[in-house]
C-alpha atoms as a PDB file:
ATOM      1  CA  MET A   1       7.921   0.388 -32.916  1.00  0.00           C
ATOM      2  CA  GLY A   2       5.133  -0.609 -30.552  1.00  0.00           C
ATOM      3  CA  VAL A   3       4.164  -3.777 -32.455  1.00  0.00           C
ATOM      4  CA  PRO A   4       4.669  -7.099 -30.624  1.00  0.00           C
ATOM      5  CA  GLY A   5       7.304  -9.487 -31.930  1.00  0.00           C
ATOM      6  CA  LEU A   6      10.873  -9.272 -33.161  1.00  0.00           C
ATOM      7  CA  PRO A   7      11.655  -6.475 -35.645  1.00  0.00           C
ATOM      8  CA  GLN A   8      12.155  -7.732 -39.201  1.00  0.00           C
ATOM      9  CA  SER A   9      13.849  -6.474 -42.351  1.00  0.00           C
ATOM     10  CA  ALA A  10      10.997  -5.836 -44.791  1.00  0.00           C
ATOM     11  CA  THR A  11       8.994  -3.655 -42.412  1.00  0.00           C
ATOM     12  CA  GLY A  12      12.041  -2.053 -40.788  1.00  0.00           C
ATOM     13  CA  GLN A  13      13.664  -1.086 -44.070  1.00  0.00           C
ATOM     14  CA  THR A  14      10.368   0.178 -45.455  1.00  0.00           C
ATOM     15  CA  THR A  15      10.020   2.410 -42.402  1.00  0.00           C
ATOM     16  CA  ILE A  16      13.554   3.780 -42.734  1.00  0.00           C
ATOM     17  CA  LEU A  17      13.132   4.511 -46.448  1.00  0.00           C
ATOM     18  CA  THR A  18       9.646   6.043 -46.285  1.00  0.00           C
ATOM     19  CA  GLY A  19       9.002   7.449 -42.817  1.00  0.00           C
ATOM     20  CA  VAL A  20       5.811   5.346 -42.704  1.00  0.00           C
ATOM     21  CA  ASP A  21       5.358   3.084 -39.670  1.00  0.00           C
ATOM     22  CA  ALA A  22       5.305  -0.122 -41.697  1.00  0.00           C
ATOM     23  CA  PRO A  23       4.867  -2.572 -38.763  1.00  0.00           C
ATOM     24  CA  ALA A  24       1.817  -0.597 -37.622  1.00  0.00           C
ATOM     25  CA  ALA A  25       0.452  -0.481 -41.193  1.00  0.00           C
ATOM     26  CA  MET A  26       0.839  -4.250 -41.531  1.00  0.00           C
ATOM     27  CA  GLY A  27      -0.120  -5.099 -37.945  1.00  0.00           C
ATOM     28  CA  LYS A  28       3.030  -7.209 -37.627  1.00  0.00           C
ATOM     29  CA  HIS A  29       6.719  -7.402 -38.489  1.00  0.00           C
ATOM     30  CA  ILE A  30       7.527  -8.906 -41.900  1.00  0.00           C
ATOM     31  CA  SER A  31      10.874 -10.436 -42.829  1.00  0.00           C
ATOM     32  CA  GLY A  32      12.741 -10.650 -46.108  1.00  0.00           C
ATOM     33  CA  PHE A  33      11.397  -8.878 -49.158  1.00  0.00           C
ATOM     34  CA  PRO A  34       8.410  -6.481 -49.197  1.00  0.00           C
ATOM     35  CA  GLY A  35       5.094  -7.858 -50.406  1.00  0.00           C
ATOM     36  CA  PRO A  36       2.373  -5.948 -52.301  1.00  0.00           C
ATOM     37  CA  ARG A  37       1.280  -3.676 -49.434  1.00  0.00           C
ATOM     38  CA  LEU A  38       4.803  -2.691 -48.474  1.00  0.00           C
ATOM     39  CA  LYS A  39       5.701  -2.211 -52.139  1.00  0.00           C
ATOM     40  CA  ALA A  40       2.805   0.257 -52.444  1.00  0.00           C
ATOM     41  CA  ILE A  41       4.040   2.188 -49.396  1.00  0.00           C
ATOM     42  CA  ILE A  42       7.540   2.404 -50.882  1.00  0.00           C
ATOM     43  CA  GLN A  43       6.243   3.352 -54.320  1.00  0.00           C
ATOM     44  CA  GLU A  44       4.378   6.306 -52.849  1.00  0.00           C
ATOM     45  CA  ASN A  45       6.806   7.448 -50.143  1.00  0.00           C
ATOM     46  CA  SER A  46      10.370   6.463 -51.161  1.00  0.00           C
ATOM     47  CA  ILE A  47      12.806   9.064 -49.822  1.00  0.00           C
ATOM     48  CA  LEU A  48      14.800   8.795 -53.061  1.00  0.00           C
ATOM     49  CA  LYS A  49      11.634   9.573 -54.998  1.00  0.00           C
ATOM     50  CA  ARG A  50      10.666  12.466 -52.742  1.00  0.00           C
ATOM     51  CA  VAL A  51      14.108  14.074 -52.949  1.00  0.00           C
ATOM     52  CA  ARG A  52      14.085  13.844 -56.749  1.00  0.00           C
ATOM     53  CA  GLU A  53      10.533  15.198 -56.925  1.00  0.00           C
ATOM     54  CA  ALA A  54      11.717  18.177 -54.865  1.00  0.00           C
ATOM     55  CA  GLY A  55      14.213  18.981 -57.608  1.00  0.00           C
ATOM     56  CA  ARG A  56      17.253  17.527 -55.867  1.00  0.00           C
ATOM     57  CA  ALA A  57      19.590  14.702 -56.943  1.00  0.00           C
ATOM     58  CA  ALA A  58      19.404  11.335 -55.185  1.00  0.00           C
ATOM     59  CA  SER A  59      21.147   8.033 -55.866  1.00  0.00           C
ATOM     60  CA  PHE A  60      21.649   4.500 -54.531  1.00  0.00           C
ATOM     61  CA  LEU A  61      25.409   3.842 -54.445  1.00  0.00           C
ATOM     62  CA  ASN A  62      25.256   0.026 -54.484  1.00  0.00           C
ATOM     63  CA  ALA A  63      26.215  -1.658 -57.769  1.00  0.00           C
ATOM     64  CA  PHE A  64      23.811  -4.177 -59.285  1.00  0.00           C
ATOM     65  CA  GLY A  65      25.410  -7.188 -60.960  1.00  0.00           C
ATOM     66  CA  PRO A  66      24.617  -8.658 -64.383  1.00  0.00           C
ATOM     67  CA  ARG A  67      22.282 -11.273 -62.916  1.00  0.00           C
ATOM     68  CA  PHE A  68      19.881  -8.562 -61.773  1.00  0.00           C
ATOM     69  CA  PHE A  69      19.524  -7.059 -65.234  1.00  0.00           C
ATOM     70  CA  GLU A  70      19.411 -10.471 -66.928  1.00  0.00           C
ATOM     71  CA  THR A  71      16.608 -11.753 -64.687  1.00  0.00           C
ATOM     72  CA  PRO A  72      13.078 -11.080 -66.041  1.00  0.00           C
ATOM     73  CA  GLU A  73      11.331  -8.371 -64.020  1.00  0.00           C
ATOM     74  CA  THR A  74       8.576 -10.778 -62.966  1.00  0.00           C
ATOM     75  CA  GLN A  75      11.163 -13.105 -61.386  1.00  0.00           C
ATOM     76  CA  ARG A  76      13.267 -10.552 -59.533  1.00  0.00           C
ATOM     77  CA  ARG A  77      13.295 -10.587 -55.733  1.00  0.00           C
ATOM     78  CA  LEU A  78      13.208  -6.886 -54.955  1.00  0.00           C
ATOM     79  CA  SER A  79      14.575  -5.517 -51.696  1.00  0.00           C
ATOM     80  CA  ALA A  80      13.218  -2.370 -50.075  1.00  0.00           C
ATOM     81  CA  THR A  81      16.221  -0.365 -51.292  1.00  0.00           C
ATOM     82  CA  THR A  82      15.760  -1.641 -54.855  1.00  0.00           C
ATOM     83  CA  LEU A  83      12.056  -0.766 -54.757  1.00  0.00           C
ATOM     84  CA  ALA A  84      12.873   2.705 -53.377  1.00  0.00           C
ATOM     85  CA  THR A  85      15.264   3.262 -56.280  1.00  0.00           C
ATOM     86  CA  LEU A  86      12.748   2.006 -58.840  1.00  0.00           C
ATOM     87  CA  ALA A  87      10.107   4.342 -57.415  1.00  0.00           C
ATOM     88  CA  SER A  88      12.466   7.300 -57.786  1.00  0.00           C
ATOM     89  CA  GLY A  89      13.325   6.710 -61.425  1.00  0.00           C
ATOM     90  CA  ALA A  90      17.020   7.111 -60.609  1.00  0.00           C
ATOM     91  CA  PRO A  91      19.317   4.871 -62.686  1.00  0.00           C
ATOM     92  CA  PHE A  92      20.820   1.767 -61.115  1.00  0.00           C
ATOM     93  CA  ARG A  93      24.595   1.628 -60.798  1.00  0.00           C
ATOM     94  CA  THR A  94      26.051  -1.261 -62.780  1.00  0.00           C
ATOM     95  CA  TRP A  95      29.071  -3.558 -62.760  1.00  0.00           C
ATOM     96  CA  THR A  96      30.746  -1.084 -65.109  1.00  0.00           C
ATOM     97  CA  ASP A  97      30.247   1.654 -62.520  1.00  0.00           C
ATOM     98  CA  LEU A  98      31.689  -0.676 -59.892  1.00  0.00           C
ATOM     99  CA  LEU A  99      34.819  -1.541 -61.864  1.00  0.00           C
ATOM    100  CA  GLU A 100      35.381   2.074 -62.913  1.00  0.00           C
ATOM    101  CA  GLY A 101      35.124   3.381 -59.335  1.00  0.00           C
ATOM    102  CA  ARG A 102      31.665   4.990 -59.409  1.00  0.00           C
ATOM    103  CA  ALA A 103      29.849   2.473 -57.213  1.00  0.00           C
ATOM    104  CA  VAL A 104      30.413   0.054 -54.353  1.00  0.00           C
ATOM    105  CA  ALA A 105      29.323  -3.553 -53.860  1.00  0.00           C
ATOM    106  CA  HIS A 106      27.089  -4.408 -50.920  1.00  0.00           C
ATOM    107  CA  ASP A 107      29.992  -6.337 -49.326  1.00  0.00           C
ATOM    108  CA  LEU A 108      32.424  -3.418 -49.842  1.00  0.00           C
ATOM    109  CA  THR A 109      35.511  -5.551 -50.598  1.00  0.00           C
ATOM    110  CA  HIS A 110      34.004  -8.001 -53.162  1.00  0.00           C
ATOM    111  CA  TRP A 111      34.702 -11.095 -51.044  1.00  0.00           C
ATOM    112  CA  ARG A 112      31.059 -12.192 -51.254  1.00  0.00           C
ATOM    113  CA  MET A 113      30.896 -11.380 -54.946  1.00  0.00           C
ATOM    114  CA  ARG A 114      33.919 -13.574 -55.570  1.00  0.00           C
ATOM    115  CA  GLU A 115      32.357 -16.412 -53.548  1.00  0.00           C
ATOM    116  CA  TRP A 116      29.356 -16.152 -55.885  1.00  0.00           C
ATOM    117  CA  GLY A 117      31.635 -16.647 -58.879  1.00  0.00           C
ATOM    118  CA  PHE A 118      32.216 -13.088 -60.068  1.00  0.00           C
ATOM    119  CA  ASP A 119      35.761 -12.535 -61.308  1.00  0.00           C
ATOM    120  CA  ILE A 120      36.336  -9.053 -59.915  1.00  0.00           C
ATOM    121  CA  PRO A 121      39.387  -7.792 -58.023  1.00  0.00           C
ATOM    122  CA  LEU A 122      39.313  -7.410 -54.266  1.00  0.00           C
ATOM    123  CA  ARG A 123      38.972  -3.885 -52.910  1.00  0.00           C
ATOM    124  CA  SER A 124      39.966  -2.691 -49.459  1.00  0.00           C
ATOM    125  CA  PRO A 125      37.308  -1.236 -47.145  1.00  0.00           C
ATOM    126  CA  GLU A 126      39.162   2.062 -47.296  1.00  0.00           C
ATOM    127  CA  GLU A 127      39.025   2.073 -51.102  1.00  0.00           C
ATOM    128  CA  ALA A 128      35.277   1.477 -50.952  1.00  0.00           C
ATOM    129  CA  GLY A 129      34.878   4.299 -48.429  1.00  0.00           C
ATOM    130  CA  SER A 130      36.874   6.628 -50.653  1.00  0.00           C
ATOM    131  CA  ILE A 131      34.563   5.866 -53.586  1.00  0.00           C
ATOM    132  CA  ILE A 132      31.550   6.618 -51.405  1.00  0.00           C
ATOM    133  CA  ALA A 133      33.131   9.928 -50.399  1.00  0.00           C
ATOM    134  CA  GLN A 134      33.857  10.704 -54.053  1.00  0.00           C
ATOM    135  CA  GLU A 135      30.272  10.025 -55.166  1.00  0.00           C
ATOM    136  CA  VAL A 136      28.383  11.661 -52.295  1.00  0.00           C
ATOM    137  CA  PRO A 137      29.096  15.313 -53.296  1.00  0.00           C
ATOM    138  CA  LYS A 138      27.575  14.617 -56.718  1.00  0.00           C
ATOM    139  CA  GLN A 139      24.172  14.099 -55.095  1.00  0.00           C
ATOM    140  CA  ASP A 140      21.970  15.855 -52.574  1.00  0.00           C
ATOM    141  CA  PHE A 141      21.088  12.505 -51.016  1.00  0.00           C
ATOM    142  CA  SER A 142      23.053   9.254 -51.303  1.00  0.00           C
ATOM    143  CA  LEU A 143      22.156   5.831 -49.943  1.00  0.00           C
ATOM    144  CA  PHE A 144      24.384   2.806 -49.314  1.00  0.00           C
ATOM    145  CA  GLU A 145      23.179  -0.538 -47.940  1.00  0.00           C
ATOM    146  CA  TYR A 146      25.308  -3.108 -46.088  1.00  0.00           C
ATOM    147  CA  PHE A 147      23.757  -6.344 -44.831  1.00  0.00           C
ATOM    148  CA  GLU A 148      26.586  -8.860 -44.354  1.00  0.00           C
ATOM    149  CA  THR A 149      26.517  -8.181 -40.602  1.00  0.00           C
ATOM    150  CA  ASP A 150      22.926  -9.450 -40.560  1.00  0.00           C
ATOM    151  CA  ARG A 151      23.936 -12.666 -42.306  1.00  0.00           C
ATOM    152  CA  ALA A 152      26.840 -13.205 -39.898  1.00  0.00           C
ATOM    153  CA  GLY A 153      24.491 -12.645 -36.966  1.00  0.00           C
ATOM    154  CA  HIS A 154      21.971 -15.193 -38.206  1.00  0.00           C
ATOM    155  CA  ASP A 155      24.780 -17.705 -38.726  1.00  0.00           C
ATOM    156  CA  GLN A 156      26.198 -16.895 -35.266  1.00  0.00           C
ATOM    157  CA  ASP A 157      29.588 -16.671 -36.938  1.00  0.00           C
ATOM    158  CA  ARG A 158      31.768 -14.554 -34.653  1.00  0.00           C
ATOM    159  CA  ALA A 159      34.802 -14.499 -36.954  1.00  0.00           C
ATOM    160  CA  ARG A 160      32.739 -13.345 -39.923  1.00  0.00           C
ATOM    161  CA  ALA A 161      30.875 -10.833 -37.780  1.00  0.00           C
ATOM    162  CA  LEU A 162      34.147  -9.257 -36.631  1.00  0.00           C
ATOM    163  CA  ARG A 163      35.408  -9.193 -40.215  1.00  0.00           C
ATOM    164  CA  CYS A 164      32.231  -7.492 -41.442  1.00  0.00           C
ATOM    165  CA  LEU A 165      32.298  -4.952 -38.630  1.00  0.00           C
ATOM    166  CA  ALA A 166      35.941  -4.181 -39.403  1.00  0.00           C
ATOM    167  CA  ASP A 167      35.073  -3.729 -43.088  1.00  0.00           C
ATOM    168  CA  ILE A 168      32.205  -1.331 -42.447  1.00  0.00           C
ATOM    169  CA  ASP A 169      34.289   0.554 -39.883  1.00  0.00           C
ATOM    170  CA  GLY A 170      37.212   0.927 -42.299  1.00  0.00           C
ATOM    171  CA  ALA A 171      34.955   2.136 -45.096  1.00  0.00           C
ATOM    172  CA  LEU A 172      33.109   4.542 -42.821  1.00  0.00           C
ATOM    173  CA  GLN A 173      36.299   6.018 -41.379  1.00  0.00           C
ATOM    174  CA  ALA A 174      37.711   6.506 -44.882  1.00  0.00           C
ATOM    175  CA  ALA A 175      34.523   8.207 -46.054  1.00  0.00           C
ATOM    176  CA  LEU A 176      34.340  10.459 -43.004  1.00  0.00           C
ATOM    177  CA  GLY A 177      37.966  11.429 -43.457  1.00  0.00           C
ATOM    178  CA  ARG A 178      37.372  12.594 -47.020  1.00  0.00           C
ATOM    179  CA  LEU A 179      33.929  14.173 -46.821  1.00  0.00           C
ATOM    180  CA  ASP A 180      33.377  17.833 -45.969  1.00  0.00           C
ATOM    181  CA  LEU A 181      31.395  17.398 -42.778  1.00  0.00           C
ATOM    182  CA  GLN A 182      30.634  21.114 -42.683  1.00  0.00           C
ATOM    183  CA  SER A 183      28.287  20.629 -45.626  1.00  0.00           C
ATOM    184  CA  THR A 184      27.520  16.905 -45.472  1.00  0.00           C
ATOM    185  CA  SER A 185      25.658  14.917 -42.832  1.00  0.00           C
ATOM    186  CA  VAL A 186      26.298  11.174 -42.552  1.00  0.00           C
ATOM    187  CA  ILE A 187      23.636   8.963 -41.005  1.00  0.00           C
ATOM    188  CA  VAL A 188      24.161   5.294 -40.157  1.00  0.00           C
ATOM    189  CA  VAL A 189      21.065   3.360 -39.111  1.00  0.00           C
ATOM    190  CA  SER A 190      20.084  -0.276 -38.723  1.00  0.00           C
ATOM    191  CA  ASP A 191      16.597  -1.698 -39.177  1.00  0.00           C
ATOM    192  CA  HIS A 192      16.925  -3.992 -36.135  1.00  0.00           C
ATOM    193  CA  GLY A 193      19.351  -5.523 -33.662  1.00  0.00           C
ATOM    194  CA  ASN A 194      21.164  -8.751 -34.547  1.00  0.00           C
ATOM    195  CA  VAL A 195      24.955  -8.990 -34.699  1.00  0.00           C
ATOM    196  CA  GLU A 196      25.429  -7.501 -31.230  1.00  0.00           C
ATOM    197  CA  ASP A 197      24.113 -10.740 -29.666  1.00  0.00           C
ATOM    198  CA  LEU A 198      25.537 -13.863 -31.283  1.00  0.00           C
ATOM    199  CA  ALA A 199      23.994 -16.047 -28.585  1.00  0.00           C
ATOM    200  CA  VAL A 200      20.805 -16.094 -30.657  1.00  0.00           C
ATOM    201  CA  LYS A 201      20.178 -16.746 -34.360  1.00  0.00           C
ATOM    202  CA  THR A 202      17.303 -14.276 -34.510  1.00  0.00           C
ATOM    203  CA  HIS A 203      16.999 -10.525 -34.470  1.00  0.00           C
ATOM    204  CA  THR A 204      16.831  -8.876 -31.047  1.00  0.00           C
ATOM    205  CA  LEU A 205      14.695  -6.399 -29.177  1.00  0.00           C
ATOM    206  CA  ASN A 206      17.707  -4.153 -28.562  1.00  0.00           C
ATOM    207  CA  PRO A 207      17.509  -0.574 -29.894  1.00  0.00           C
ATOM    208  CA  ALA A 208      18.566  -0.343 -33.537  1.00  0.00           C
ATOM    209  CA  PHE A 209      21.930   1.325 -34.126  1.00  0.00           C
ATOM    210  CA  PHE A 210      21.877   5.018 -35.064  1.00  0.00           C
ATOM    211  CA  SER A 211      24.632   7.598 -35.422  1.00  0.00           C
ATOM    212  CA  LEU A 212      24.992  11.009 -37.043  1.00  0.00           C
ATOM    213  CA  TRP A 213      28.193  12.761 -38.174  1.00  0.00           C
ATOM    214  CA  GLY A 214      28.623  16.328 -39.411  1.00  0.00           C
ATOM    215  CA  SER A 215      28.387  19.865 -38.139  1.00  0.00           C
ATOM    216  CA  TRP A 216      24.612  20.039 -38.661  1.00  0.00           C
ATOM    217  CA  ARG A 217      22.367  18.968 -35.802  1.00  0.00           C
ATOM    218  CA  PRO A 218      18.576  18.779 -35.723  1.00  0.00           C
ATOM    219  CA  THR A 219      16.687  20.780 -33.128  1.00  0.00           C
ATOM    220  CA  TRP A 220      14.829  17.583 -32.150  1.00  0.00           C
ATOM    221  CA  GLU A 221      15.993  14.115 -31.075  1.00  0.00           C
ATOM    222  CA  PRO A 222      15.370  11.158 -33.417  1.00  0.00           C
ATOM    223  CA  ARG A 223      13.987   8.217 -31.442  1.00  0.00           C
ATOM    224  CA  ARG A 224      12.282   5.882 -33.913  1.00  0.00           C
ATOM    225  CA  LEU A 225      12.859   4.468 -37.390  1.00  0.00           C
ATOM    226  CA  THR A 226      10.041   6.740 -38.576  1.00  0.00           C
ATOM    227  CA  ASP A 227      12.293   9.701 -37.732  1.00  0.00           C
ATOM    228  CA  ILE A 228      14.958   8.922 -40.359  1.00  0.00           C
ATOM    229  CA  VAL A 229      13.123  10.425 -43.347  1.00  0.00           C
ATOM    230  CA  PRO A 230      12.201  13.622 -41.441  1.00  0.00           C
ATOM    231  CA  LEU A 231      15.832  13.799 -40.302  1.00  0.00           C
ATOM    232  CA  VAL A 232      17.077  13.619 -43.898  1.00  0.00           C
ATOM    233  CA  TRP A 233      14.434  16.138 -44.947  1.00  0.00           C
ATOM    234  CA  ASP A 234      15.596  18.479 -42.217  1.00  0.00           C
ATOM    235  CA  ALA A 235      19.281  18.017 -43.095  1.00  0.00           C
ATOM    236  CA  LEU A 236      18.525  18.925 -46.697  1.00  0.00           C
ATOM    237  CA  GLY A 237      17.017  22.202 -45.545  1.00  0.00           C
ATOM    238  CA  PHE A 238      13.400  21.533 -46.457  1.00  0.00           C
ATOM    239  CA  PHE A 239      12.185  22.264 -42.923  1.00  0.00           C
ATOM    240  CA  GLN A 240      14.332  25.324 -42.188  1.00  0.00           C
ATOM    241  CA  GLY A 241      15.267  26.781 -45.557  1.00  0.00           C
ATOM    242  CA  GLY A 242      18.747  26.718 -47.015  1.00  0.00           C
ATOM    243  CA  GLY A 243      20.300  23.547 -48.364  1.00  0.00           C
ATOM    244  CA  GLY A 244      22.804  20.845 -47.782  1.00  0.00           C
ATOM    245  CA  THR A 245      23.788  17.311 -48.591  1.00  0.00           C
ATOM    246  CA  ALA A 246      22.926  14.116 -46.786  1.00  0.00           C
ATOM    247  CA  THR A 247      24.128  10.590 -47.074  1.00  0.00           C
ATOM    248  CA  ALA A 248      22.638   7.599 -45.337  1.00  0.00           C
ATOM    249  CA  GLY A 249      23.814   4.064 -44.841  1.00  0.00           C
ATOM    250  CA  ALA A 250      21.746   1.131 -43.751  1.00  0.00           C
END
């Protein structure tokens, strides 16, 4: 992104979700959860908000557990994806949605949720991917966030990293196998490098992962995190007329 230092989550995710060059706006990379300035950028430019303001449907597919809703708003630690959803006014998906097959947990299979003490049944990665594929056609833009690979990378835990990669691969393959890729574009993007180099506990300077599935192709080549929002905008037909559906995963 042209700013010295290792890429970090708060600025990287803000950039992906808004199209604003957050590291440049802050003058540095910021880790963890967005602070006041990044929150303001997300509040104004959230892609979920912009899609809904354009008269289209947009939704965050991750389920939020009871602890989130029971925690006072002033004490919540809000991620970039949560802030982007709040800015849009779209409803959060709940534990009820999760158990009834209308949402997915951030860990896909519920292994992390069970470690945290939630008594919910395990789900296969393929089942989670099928739910994503079922929910995506109901929206014009859908977002799913997965971050267990980042945790495994920081812990330098090779076994857990391989497990997480297998989970996300199984879910993605199941979703791709069930989605109509003639009318739906699937984007997978990371905010920084990490799990690809377990020799270090930190993030890396390697290019962030990006891939695009579907019959639609842009007439230009995405090269930076700031290109993700324009790419979604283009896939939805706002640049060229027409319409379509897009789903993104981070």
